[in-house]
Amino acid sequence: MDYTKVLIRPLITEKTTLLKEVANQVVFIVDKGANKIEIKNAVEKAFKVKVEDVRIVNRKIKVKKRFGRVVGKKSGFKKAYVKLSPGDKIEFFEGV
């Protein structure tokens, strides 16, 4: 699988920013069919860094309140926590 299809986008929140600074981990939203090996290879190829570990979390679809006859849904997605080797880093918004 091509790395542009595996990595959908980086997830940037307060928690992921803290993980990036403290534990040298970066979080990505990835394709639902991707496994750890494909994610590792995609990150190494896209950002030219060495990856130590990959952890995956599947977020289930959440049903929201009803609006009359319509039931709302929040889409589910797969998240990958990627731990980088010491000395390597990925910068998303440096200089902004």
PDB file of N, CA and C in Angstrom:
ATOM      1  N   MET A   1       0.842  -1.177   0.000  1.00  0.00           N
ATOM      2  CA  MET A   1       0.000   0.000   0.000  1.00  0.00           C
ATOM      3  C   MET A   1       0.892   1.247   0.000  1.00  0.00           C
ATOM      4  N   ASP A   2       0.536   2.237  -0.772  1.00  0.00           N
ATOM      5  CA  ASP A   2       1.295   3.475  -0.867  1.00  0.00           C
ATOM      6  C   ASP A   2       1.153   4.273   0.430  1.00  0.00           C
ATOM      7  N   TYR A   3       2.239   4.929   0.861  1.00  0.00           N
ATOM      8  CA  TYR A   3       2.196   5.629   2.142  1.00  0.00           C
ATOM      9  C   TYR A   3       1.215   6.801   2.147  1.00  0.00           C
ATOM     10  N   THR A   4       0.897   7.354   0.973  1.00  0.00           N
ATOM     11  CA  THR A   4      -0.077   8.449   0.938  1.00  0.00           C
ATOM     12  C   THR A   4      -1.495   7.948   1.202  1.00  0.00           C
ATOM     13  N   LYS A   5      -1.718   6.645   1.001  1.00  0.00           N
ATOM     14  CA  LYS A   5      -3.023   6.068   1.302  1.00  0.00           C
ATOM     15  C   LYS A   5      -3.100   5.533   2.724  1.00  0.00           C
ATOM     16  N   VAL A   6      -1.957   5.255   3.335  1.00  0.00           N
ATOM     17  CA  VAL A   6      -1.932   4.743   4.705  1.00  0.00           C
ATOM     18  C   VAL A   6      -2.117   5.884   5.704  1.00  0.00           C
ATOM     19  N   LEU A   7      -1.316   6.924   5.582  1.00  0.00           N
ATOM     20  CA  LEU A   7      -1.398   8.064   6.501  1.00  0.00           C
ATOM     21  C   LEU A   7      -2.420   9.061   5.977  1.00  0.00           C
ATOM     22  N   ILE A   8      -3.493   9.259   6.721  1.00  0.00           N
ATOM     23  CA  ILE A   8      -4.526  10.195   6.279  1.00  0.00           C
ATOM     24  C   ILE A   8      -4.170  11.609   6.706  1.00  0.00           C
ATOM     25  N   ARG A   9      -3.917  11.800   8.018  1.00  0.00           N
ATOM     26  CA  ARG A   9      -3.529  13.125   8.507  1.00  0.00           C
ATOM     27  C   ARG A   9      -2.961  12.986   9.910  1.00  0.00           C
ATOM     28  N   PRO A  10      -2.153  13.956  10.350  1.00  0.00           N
ATOM     29  CA  PRO A  10      -1.699  13.942  11.741  1.00  0.00           C
ATOM     30  C   PRO A  10      -2.823  14.428  12.649  1.00  0.00           C
ATOM     31  N   LEU A  11      -2.870  13.905  13.849  1.00  0.00           N
ATOM     32  CA  LEU A  11      -3.855  14.322  14.836  1.00  0.00           C
ATOM     33  C   LEU A  11      -3.163  15.275  15.794  1.00  0.00           C
ATOM     34  N   ILE A  12      -3.600  16.526  15.812  1.00  0.00           N
ATOM     35  CA  ILE A  12      -2.943  17.534  16.632  1.00  0.00           C
ATOM     36  C   ILE A  12      -3.935  18.048  17.666  1.00  0.00           C
ATOM     37  N   THR A  13      -3.722  17.629  18.910  1.00  0.00           N
ATOM     38  CA  THR A  13      -4.522  18.068  20.048  1.00  0.00           C
ATOM     39  C   THR A  13      -3.558  18.426  21.176  1.00  0.00           C
ATOM     40  N   GLU A  14      -4.094  18.830  22.317  1.00  0.00           N
ATOM     41  CA  GLU A  14      -3.233  19.139  23.456  1.00  0.00           C
ATOM     42  C   GLU A  14      -2.495  17.887  23.931  1.00  0.00           C
ATOM     43  N   LYS A  15      -3.196  16.762  23.965  1.00  0.00           N
ATOM     44  CA  LYS A  15      -2.587  15.509  24.421  1.00  0.00           C
ATOM     45  C   LYS A  15      -1.469  15.063  23.478  1.00  0.00           C
ATOM     46  N   THR A  16      -1.710  15.130  22.173  1.00  0.00           N
ATOM     47  CA  THR A  16      -0.696  14.673  21.229  1.00  0.00           C
ATOM     48  C   THR A  16       0.507  15.615  21.194  1.00  0.00           C
ATOM     49  N   THR A  17       0.285  16.899  21.419  1.00  0.00           N
ATOM     50  CA  THR A  17       1.396  17.849  21.485  1.00  0.00           C
ATOM     51  C   THR A  17       2.275  17.550  22.696  1.00  0.00           C
ATOM     52  N   LEU A  18       1.640  17.218  23.828  1.00  0.00           N
ATOM     53  CA  LEU A  18       2.393  16.856  25.025  1.00  0.00           C
ATOM     54  C   LEU A  18       3.162  15.554  24.812  1.00  0.00           C
ATOM     55  N   LEU A  19       2.535  14.569  24.154  1.00  0.00           N
ATOM     56  CA  LEU A  19       3.233  13.315  23.847  1.00  0.00           C
ATOM     57  C   LEU A  19       4.436  13.553  22.953  1.00  0.00           C
ATOM     58  N   LYS A  20       4.292  14.469  22.019  1.00  0.00           N
ATOM     59  CA  LYS A  20       5.384  14.779  21.093  1.00  0.00           C
ATOM     60  C   LYS A  20       6.585  15.359  21.840  1.00  0.00           C
ATOM     61  N   GLU A  21       6.314  16.223  22.825  1.00  0.00           N
ATOM     62  CA  GLU A  21       7.396  16.865  23.566  1.00  0.00           C
ATOM     63  C   GLU A  21       8.017  15.941  24.610  1.00  0.00           C
ATOM     64  N   VAL A  22       7.188  15.172  25.317  1.00  0.00           N
ATOM     65  CA  VAL A  22       7.671  14.378  26.432  1.00  0.00           C
ATOM     66  C   VAL A  22       8.185  13.006  25.996  1.00  0.00           C
ATOM     67  N   ALA A  23       7.397  12.271  25.199  1.00  0.00           N
ATOM     68  CA  ALA A  23       7.714  10.882  24.890  1.00  0.00           C
ATOM     69  C   ALA A  23       8.214  10.663  23.466  1.00  0.00           C
ATOM     70  N   ASN A  24       8.359  11.730  22.683  1.00  0.00           N
ATOM     71  CA  ASN A  24       8.806  11.641  21.286  1.00  0.00           C
ATOM     72  C   ASN A  24       7.883  10.735  20.464  1.00  0.00           C
ATOM     73  N   GLN A  25       6.558  10.922  20.670  1.00  0.00           N
ATOM     74  CA  GLN A  25       5.551  10.173  19.932  1.00  0.00           C
ATOM     75  C   GLN A  25       4.729  11.121  19.082  1.00  0.00           C
ATOM     76  N   VAL A  26       4.315  10.642  17.914  1.00  0.00           N
ATOM     77  CA  VAL A  26       3.468  11.402  17.003  1.00  0.00           C
ATOM     78  C   VAL A  26       2.229  10.568  16.728  1.00  0.00           C
ATOM     79  N   VAL A  27       1.063  11.228  16.585  1.00  0.00           N
ATOM     80  CA  VAL A  27      -0.191  10.512  16.395  1.00  0.00           C
ATOM     81  C   VAL A  27      -0.749  10.831  15.011  1.00  0.00           C
ATOM     82  N   PHE A  28      -1.172   9.783  14.295  1.00  0.00           N
ATOM     83  CA  PHE A  28      -1.746   9.932  12.966  1.00  0.00           C
ATOM     84  C   PHE A  28      -3.104   9.255  12.907  1.00  0.00           C
ATOM     85  N   ILE A  29      -4.016   9.820  12.092  1.00  0.00           N
ATOM     86  CA  ILE A  29      -5.220   9.116  11.679  1.00  0.00           C
ATOM     87  C   ILE A  29      -4.799   8.305  10.459  1.00  0.00           C
ATOM     88  N   VAL A  30      -5.063   6.994  10.492  1.00  0.00           N
ATOM     89  CA  VAL A  30      -4.601   6.118   9.421  1.00  0.00           C
ATOM     90  C   VAL A  30      -5.779   5.377   8.789  1.00  0.00           C
ATOM     91  N   ASP A  31      -5.494   4.739   7.672  1.00  0.00           N
ATOM     92  CA  ASP A  31      -6.489   3.951   6.964  1.00  0.00           C
ATOM     93  C   ASP A  31      -6.936   2.778   7.837  1.00  0.00           C
ATOM     94  N   LYS A  32      -8.234   2.451   7.780  1.00  0.00           N
ATOM     95  CA  LYS A  32      -8.775   1.394   8.640  1.00  0.00           C
ATOM     96  C   LYS A  32      -8.210   0.019   8.319  1.00  0.00           C
ATOM     97  N   GLY A  33      -7.716  -0.189   7.119  1.00  0.00           N
ATOM     98  CA  GLY A  33      -7.164  -1.482   6.737  1.00  0.00           C
ATOM     99  C   GLY A  33      -5.666  -1.607   6.952  1.00  0.00           C
ATOM    100  N   ALA A  34      -5.020  -0.559   7.442  1.00  0.00           N
ATOM    101  CA  ALA A  34      -3.567  -0.561   7.605  1.00  0.00           C
ATOM    102  C   ALA A  34      -3.163  -1.294   8.883  1.00  0.00           C
ATOM    103  N   ASN A  35      -2.026  -2.010   8.813  1.00  0.00           N
ATOM    104  CA  ASN A  35      -1.507  -2.668  10.008  1.00  0.00           C
ATOM    105  C   ASN A  35      -0.255  -1.935  10.492  1.00  0.00           C
ATOM    106  N   LYS A  36       0.336  -2.422  11.593  1.00  0.00           N
ATOM    107  CA  LYS A  36       1.472  -1.738  12.208  1.00  0.00           C
ATOM    108  C   LYS A  36       2.684  -1.660  11.282  1.00  0.00           C
ATOM    109  N   ILE A  37       2.944  -2.715  10.547  1.00  0.00           N
ATOM    110  CA  ILE A  37       4.111  -2.740   9.657  1.00  0.00           C
ATOM    111  C   ILE A  37       3.945  -1.721   8.533  1.00  0.00           C
ATOM    112  N   GLU A  38       2.747  -1.648   7.940  1.00  0.00           N
ATOM    113  CA  GLU A  38       2.499  -0.668   6.883  1.00  0.00           C
ATOM    114  C   GLU A  38       2.599   0.755   7.402  1.00  0.00           C
ATOM    115  N   ILE A  39       2.110   1.000   8.614  1.00  0.00           N
ATOM    116  CA  ILE A  39       2.188   2.338   9.208  1.00  0.00           C
ATOM    117  C   ILE A  39       3.640   2.713   9.472  1.00  0.00           C
ATOM    118  N   LYS A  40       4.419   1.781  10.013  1.00  0.00           N
ATOM    119  CA  LYS A  40       5.841   2.030  10.278  1.00  0.00           C
ATOM    120  C   LYS A  40       6.581   2.373   8.996  1.00  0.00           C
ATOM    121  N   ASN A  41       6.385   1.579   7.951  1.00  0.00           N
ATOM    122  CA  ASN A  41       7.053   1.832   6.677  1.00  0.00           C
ATOM    123  C   ASN A  41       6.611   3.157   6.062  1.00  0.00           C
ATOM    124  N   ALA A  42       5.334   3.503   6.190  1.00  0.00           N
ATOM    125  CA  ALA A  42       4.823   4.756   5.632  1.00  0.00           C
ATOM    126  C   ALA A  42       5.436   5.961   6.316  1.00  0.00           C
ATOM    127  N   VAL A  43       5.532   5.938   7.653  1.00  0.00           N
ATOM    128  CA  VAL A  43       6.116   7.064   8.388  1.00  0.00           C
ATOM    129  C   VAL A  43       7.598   7.191   8.069  1.00  0.00           C
ATOM    130  N   GLU A  44       8.311   6.078   8.023  1.00  0.00           N
ATOM    131  CA  GLU A  44       9.742   6.130   7.714  1.00  0.00           C
ATOM    132  C   GLU A  44       9.989   6.650   6.305  1.00  0.00           C
ATOM    133  N   LYS A  45       9.147   6.270   5.357  1.00  0.00           N
ATOM    134  CA  LYS A  45       9.322   6.716   3.984  1.00  0.00           C
ATOM    135  C   LYS A  45       8.917   8.181   3.801  1.00  0.00           C
ATOM    136  N   ALA A  46       7.833   8.601   4.450  1.00  0.00           N
ATOM    137  CA  ALA A  46       7.322   9.956   4.260  1.00  0.00           C
ATOM    138  C   ALA A  46       8.177  11.010   4.954  1.00  0.00           C
ATOM    139  N   PHE A  47       8.658  10.714   6.167  1.00  0.00           N
ATOM    140  CA  PHE A  47       9.358  11.726   6.957  1.00  0.00           C
ATOM    141  C   PHE A  47      10.841  11.449   7.132  1.00  0.00           C
ATOM    142  N   LYS A  48      11.330  10.318   6.618  1.00  0.00           N
ATOM    143  CA  LYS A  48      12.746   9.950   6.700  1.00  0.00           C
ATOM    144  C   LYS A  48      13.259   9.953   8.141  1.00  0.00           C
ATOM    145  N   VAL A  49      12.522   9.226   9.006  1.00  0.00           N
ATOM    146  CA  VAL A  49      12.895   9.055  10.410  1.00  0.00           C
ATOM    147  C   VAL A  49      12.900   7.561  10.717  1.00  0.00           C
ATOM    148  N   LYS A  50      13.454   7.201  11.871  1.00  0.00           N
ATOM    149  CA  LYS A  50      13.467   5.807  12.327  1.00  0.00           C
ATOM    150  C   LYS A  50      12.361   5.620  13.358  1.00  0.00           C
ATOM    151  N   VAL A  51      11.503   4.618  13.162  1.00  0.00           N
ATOM    152  CA  VAL A  51      10.377   4.356  14.054  1.00  0.00           C
ATOM    153  C   VAL A  51      10.732   3.197  14.973  1.00  0.00           C
ATOM    154  N   GLU A  52      10.520   3.385  16.295  1.00  0.00           N
ATOM    155  CA  GLU A  52      10.779   2.329  17.267  1.00  0.00           C
ATOM    156  C   GLU A  52       9.553   1.457  17.502  1.00  0.00           C
ATOM    157  N   ASP A  53       8.385   2.079  17.660  1.00  0.00           N
ATOM    158  CA  ASP A  53       7.201   1.332  18.064  1.00  0.00           C
ATOM    159  C   ASP A  53       5.954   1.979  17.479  1.00  0.00           C
ATOM    160  N   VAL A  54       4.943   1.162  17.203  1.00  0.00           N
ATOM    161  CA  VAL A  54       3.652   1.647  16.707  1.00  0.00           C
ATOM    162  C   VAL A  54       2.552   1.004  17.540  1.00  0.00           C
ATOM    163  N   ARG A  55       1.642   1.819  18.039  1.00  0.00           N
ATOM    164  CA  ARG A  55       0.462   1.331  18.748  1.00  0.00           C
ATOM    165  C   ARG A  55      -0.769   1.815  18.009  1.00  0.00           C
ATOM    166  N   ILE A  56      -1.792   0.959  17.957  1.00  0.00           N
ATOM    167  CA  ILE A  56      -2.999   1.277  17.194  1.00  0.00           C
ATOM    168  C   ILE A  56      -4.212   1.286  18.113  1.00  0.00           C
ATOM    169  N   VAL A  57      -5.098   2.271  17.893  1.00  0.00           N
ATOM    170  CA  VAL A  57      -6.354   2.376  18.626  1.00  0.00           C
ATOM    171  C   VAL A  57      -7.473   2.539  17.606  1.00  0.00           C
ATOM    172  N   ASN A  58      -8.498   1.687  17.708  1.00  0.00           N
ATOM    173  CA  ASN A  58      -9.678   1.813  16.858  1.00  0.00           C
ATOM    174  C   ASN A  58     -10.761   2.552  17.631  1.00  0.00           C
ATOM    175  N   ARG A  59     -11.247   3.651  17.080  1.00  0.00           N
ATOM    176  CA  ARG A  59     -12.340   4.391  17.702  1.00  0.00           C
ATOM    177  C   ARG A  59     -13.630   3.969  17.021  1.00  0.00           C
ATOM    178  N   LYS A  60     -14.574   3.502  17.819  1.00  0.00           N
ATOM    179  CA  LYS A  60     -15.826   3.010  17.267  1.00  0.00           C
ATOM    180  C   LYS A  60     -16.740   4.152  16.861  1.00  0.00           C
ATOM    181  N   ILE A  61     -17.721   3.829  16.026  1.00  0.00           N
ATOM    182  CA  ILE A  61     -18.731   4.801  15.617  1.00  0.00           C
ATOM    183  C   ILE A  61     -19.609   5.107  16.818  1.00  0.00           C
ATOM    184  N   LYS A  62     -19.852   6.392  17.068  1.00  0.00           N
ATOM    185  CA  LYS A  62     -20.691   6.793  18.195  1.00  0.00           C
ATOM    186  C   LYS A  62     -22.017   7.324  17.671  1.00  0.00           C
ATOM    187  N   VAL A  63     -23.089   6.887  18.296  1.00  0.00           N
ATOM    188  CA  VAL A  63     -24.419   7.367  17.929  1.00  0.00           C
ATOM    189  C   VAL A  63     -24.728   8.603  18.761  1.00  0.00           C
ATOM    190  N   LYS A  64     -25.140   9.653  18.095  1.00  0.00           N
ATOM    191  CA  LYS A  64     -25.461  10.910  18.764  1.00  0.00           C
ATOM    192  C   LYS A  64     -26.965  11.005  18.998  1.00  0.00           C
ATOM    193  N   LYS A  65     -27.420  12.129  19.537  1.00  0.00           N
ATOM    194  CA  LYS A  65     -28.828  12.332  19.830  1.00  0.00           C
ATOM    195  C   LYS A  65     -29.678  12.273  18.574  1.00  0.00           C
ATOM    196  N   ARG A  66     -30.927  11.997  18.801  1.00  0.00           N
ATOM    197  CA  ARG A  66     -31.871  11.986  17.689  1.00  0.00           C
ATOM    198  C   ARG A  66     -32.333  13.398  17.390  1.00  0.00           C
ATOM    199  N   PHE A  67     -32.523  13.673  16.134  1.00  0.00           N
ATOM    200  CA  PHE A  67     -33.092  14.935  15.674  1.00  0.00           C
ATOM    201  C   PHE A  67     -34.364  14.596  14.910  1.00  0.00           C
ATOM    202  N   GLY A  68     -35.484  14.443  15.638  1.00  0.00           N
ATOM    203  CA  GLY A  68     -36.710  13.988  15.006  1.00  0.00           C
ATOM    204  C   GLY A  68     -36.559  12.529  14.634  1.00  0.00           C
ATOM    205  N   ARG A  69     -36.674  12.233  13.348  1.00  0.00           N
ATOM    206  CA  ARG A  69     -36.521  10.851  12.882  1.00  0.00           C
ATOM    207  C   ARG A  69     -35.080  10.500  12.560  1.00  0.00           C
ATOM    208  N   VAL A  70     -34.195  11.472  12.551  1.00  0.00           N
ATOM    209  CA  VAL A  70     -32.819  11.259  12.119  1.00  0.00           C
ATOM    210  C   VAL A  70     -31.932  10.963  13.326  1.00  0.00           C
ATOM    211  N   VAL A  71     -31.169   9.873  13.235  1.00  0.00           N
ATOM    212  CA  VAL A  71     -30.195   9.536  14.265  1.00  0.00           C
ATOM    213  C   VAL A  71     -28.816   9.934  13.749  1.00  0.00           C
ATOM    214  N   GLY A  72     -28.125  10.801  14.502  1.00  0.00           N
ATOM    215  CA  GLY A  72     -26.801  11.251  14.080  1.00  0.00           C
ATOM    216  C   GLY A  72     -25.722  10.251  14.461  1.00  0.00           C
ATOM    217  N   LYS A  73     -24.629  10.252  13.718  1.00  0.00           N
ATOM    218  CA  LYS A  73     -23.504   9.374  13.997  1.00  0.00           C
ATOM    219  C   LYS A  73     -22.201  10.149  13.884  1.00  0.00           C
ATOM    220  N   LYS A  74     -21.248   9.801  14.751  1.00  0.00           N
ATOM    221  CA  LYS A  74     -19.889  10.303  14.631  1.00  0.00           C
ATOM    222  C   LYS A  74     -19.056   9.184  14.039  1.00  0.00           C
ATOM    223  N   SER A  75     -18.332   9.465  12.991  1.00  0.00           N
ATOM    224  CA  SER A  75     -17.601   8.413  12.290  1.00  0.00           C
ATOM    225  C   SER A  75     -16.473   7.865  13.158  1.00  0.00           C
ATOM    226  N   GLY A  76     -16.207   6.602  12.997  1.00  0.00           N
ATOM    227  CA  GLY A  76     -15.098   5.973  13.687  1.00  0.00           C
ATOM    228  C   GLY A  76     -13.837   6.088  12.845  1.00  0.00           C
ATOM    229  N   PHE A  77     -12.682   5.917  13.479  1.00  0.00           N
ATOM    230  CA  PHE A  77     -11.421   5.986  12.750  1.00  0.00           C
ATOM    231  C   PHE A  77     -10.363   5.188  13.485  1.00  0.00           C
ATOM    232  N   LYS A  78      -9.226   4.987  12.846  1.00  0.00           N
ATOM    233  CA  LYS A  78      -8.100   4.277  13.435  1.00  0.00           C
ATOM    234  C   LYS A  78      -6.988   5.277  13.693  1.00  0.00           C
ATOM    235  N   LYS A  79      -6.452   5.239  14.920  1.00  0.00           N
ATOM    236  CA  LYS A  79      -5.385   6.133  15.333  1.00  0.00           C
ATOM    237  C   LYS A  79      -4.114   5.326  15.537  1.00  0.00           C
ATOM    238  N   ALA A  80      -2.973   5.893  15.150  1.00  0.00           N
ATOM    239  CA  ALA A  80      -1.689   5.209  15.346  1.00  0.00           C
ATOM    240  C   ALA A  80      -0.761   6.116  16.154  1.00  0.00           C
ATOM    241  N   TYR A  81      -0.290   5.587  17.294  1.00  0.00           N
ATOM    242  CA  TYR A  81       0.706   6.282  18.105  1.00  0.00           C
ATOM    243  C   TYR A  81       2.066   5.762  17.667  1.00  0.00           C
ATOM    244  N   VAL A  82       2.890   6.631  17.088  1.00  0.00           N
ATOM    245  CA  VAL A  82       4.182   6.243  16.522  1.00  0.00           C
ATOM    246  C   VAL A  82       5.289   6.810  17.397  1.00  0.00           C
ATOM    247  N   LYS A  83       6.103   5.916  17.981  1.00  0.00           N
ATOM    248  CA  LYS A  83       7.235   6.350  18.798  1.00  0.00           C
ATOM    249  C   LYS A  83       8.476   6.406  17.924  1.00  0.00           C
ATOM    250  N   LEU A  84       9.123   7.565  17.921  1.00  0.00           N
ATOM    251  CA  LEU A  84      10.310   7.775  17.097  1.00  0.00           C
ATOM    252  C   LEU A  84      11.576   7.482  17.886  1.00  0.00           C
ATOM    253  N   SER A  85      12.642   7.178  17.178  1.00  0.00           N
ATOM    254  CA  SER A  85      13.940   6.937  17.804  1.00  0.00           C
ATOM    255  C   SER A  85      14.463   8.223  18.420  1.00  0.00           C
ATOM    256  N   PRO A  86      15.292   8.103  19.471  1.00  0.00           N
ATOM    257  CA  PRO A  86      15.878   9.317  20.052  1.00  0.00           C
ATOM    258  C   PRO A  86      16.682  10.078  19.008  1.00  0.00           C
ATOM    259  N   GLY A  87      16.498  11.366  18.978  1.00  0.00           N
ATOM    260  CA  GLY A  87      17.197  12.208  18.001  1.00  0.00           C
ATOM    261  C   GLY A  87      16.371  12.522  16.772  1.00  0.00           C
ATOM    262  N   ASP A  88      15.381  11.702  16.455  1.00  0.00           N
ATOM    263  CA  ASP A  88      14.499  11.964  15.315  1.00  0.00           C
ATOM    264  C   ASP A  88      13.279  12.737  15.776  1.00  0.00           C
ATOM    265  N   LYS A  89      12.786  13.602  14.907  1.00  0.00           N
ATOM    266  CA  LYS A  89      11.547  14.324  15.222  1.00  0.00           C
ATOM    267  C   LYS A  89      10.853  14.728  13.936  1.00  0.00           C
ATOM    268  N   ILE A  90       9.545  14.907  14.046  1.00  0.00           N
ATOM    269  CA  ILE A  90       8.723  15.357  12.929  1.00  0.00           C
ATOM    270  C   ILE A  90       8.111  16.687  13.332  1.00  0.00           C
ATOM    271  N   GLU A  91       8.336  17.705  12.538  1.00  0.00           N
ATOM    272  CA  GLU A  91       7.817  19.042  12.836  1.00  0.00           C
ATOM    273  C   GLU A  91       6.659  19.351  11.902  1.00  0.00           C
ATOM    274  N   PHE A  92       5.497  19.653  12.454  1.00  0.00           N
ATOM    275  CA  PHE A  92       4.323  19.968  11.642  1.00  0.00           C
ATOM    276  C   PHE A  92       4.143  21.467  11.438  1.00  0.00           C
ATOM    277  N   PHE A  93       4.215  22.241  12.529  1.00  0.00           N
ATOM    278  CA  PHE A  93       3.924  23.660  12.443  1.00  0.00           C
ATOM    279  C   PHE A  93       5.048  24.509  13.014  1.00  0.00           C
ATOM    280  N   GLU A  94       6.260  24.216  12.646  1.00  0.00           N
ATOM    281  CA  GLU A  94       7.373  25.012  13.136  1.00  0.00           C
ATOM    282  C   GLU A  94       7.452  26.328  12.384  1.00  0.00           C
ATOM    283  N   GLY A  95       7.665  27.415  13.115  1.00  0.00           N
ATOM    284  CA  GLY A  95       7.803  28.725  12.504  1.00  0.00           C
ATOM    285  C   GLY A  95       6.480  29.426  12.255  1.00  0.00           C
ATOM    286  N   VAL A  96       5.388  28.891  12.780  1.00  0.00           N
ATOM    287  CA  VAL A  96       4.072  29.531  12.571  1.00  0.00           C
ATOM    288  C   VAL A  96       3.814  30.461  13.719  1.00  0.00           C
TER     289      VAL A  96
END
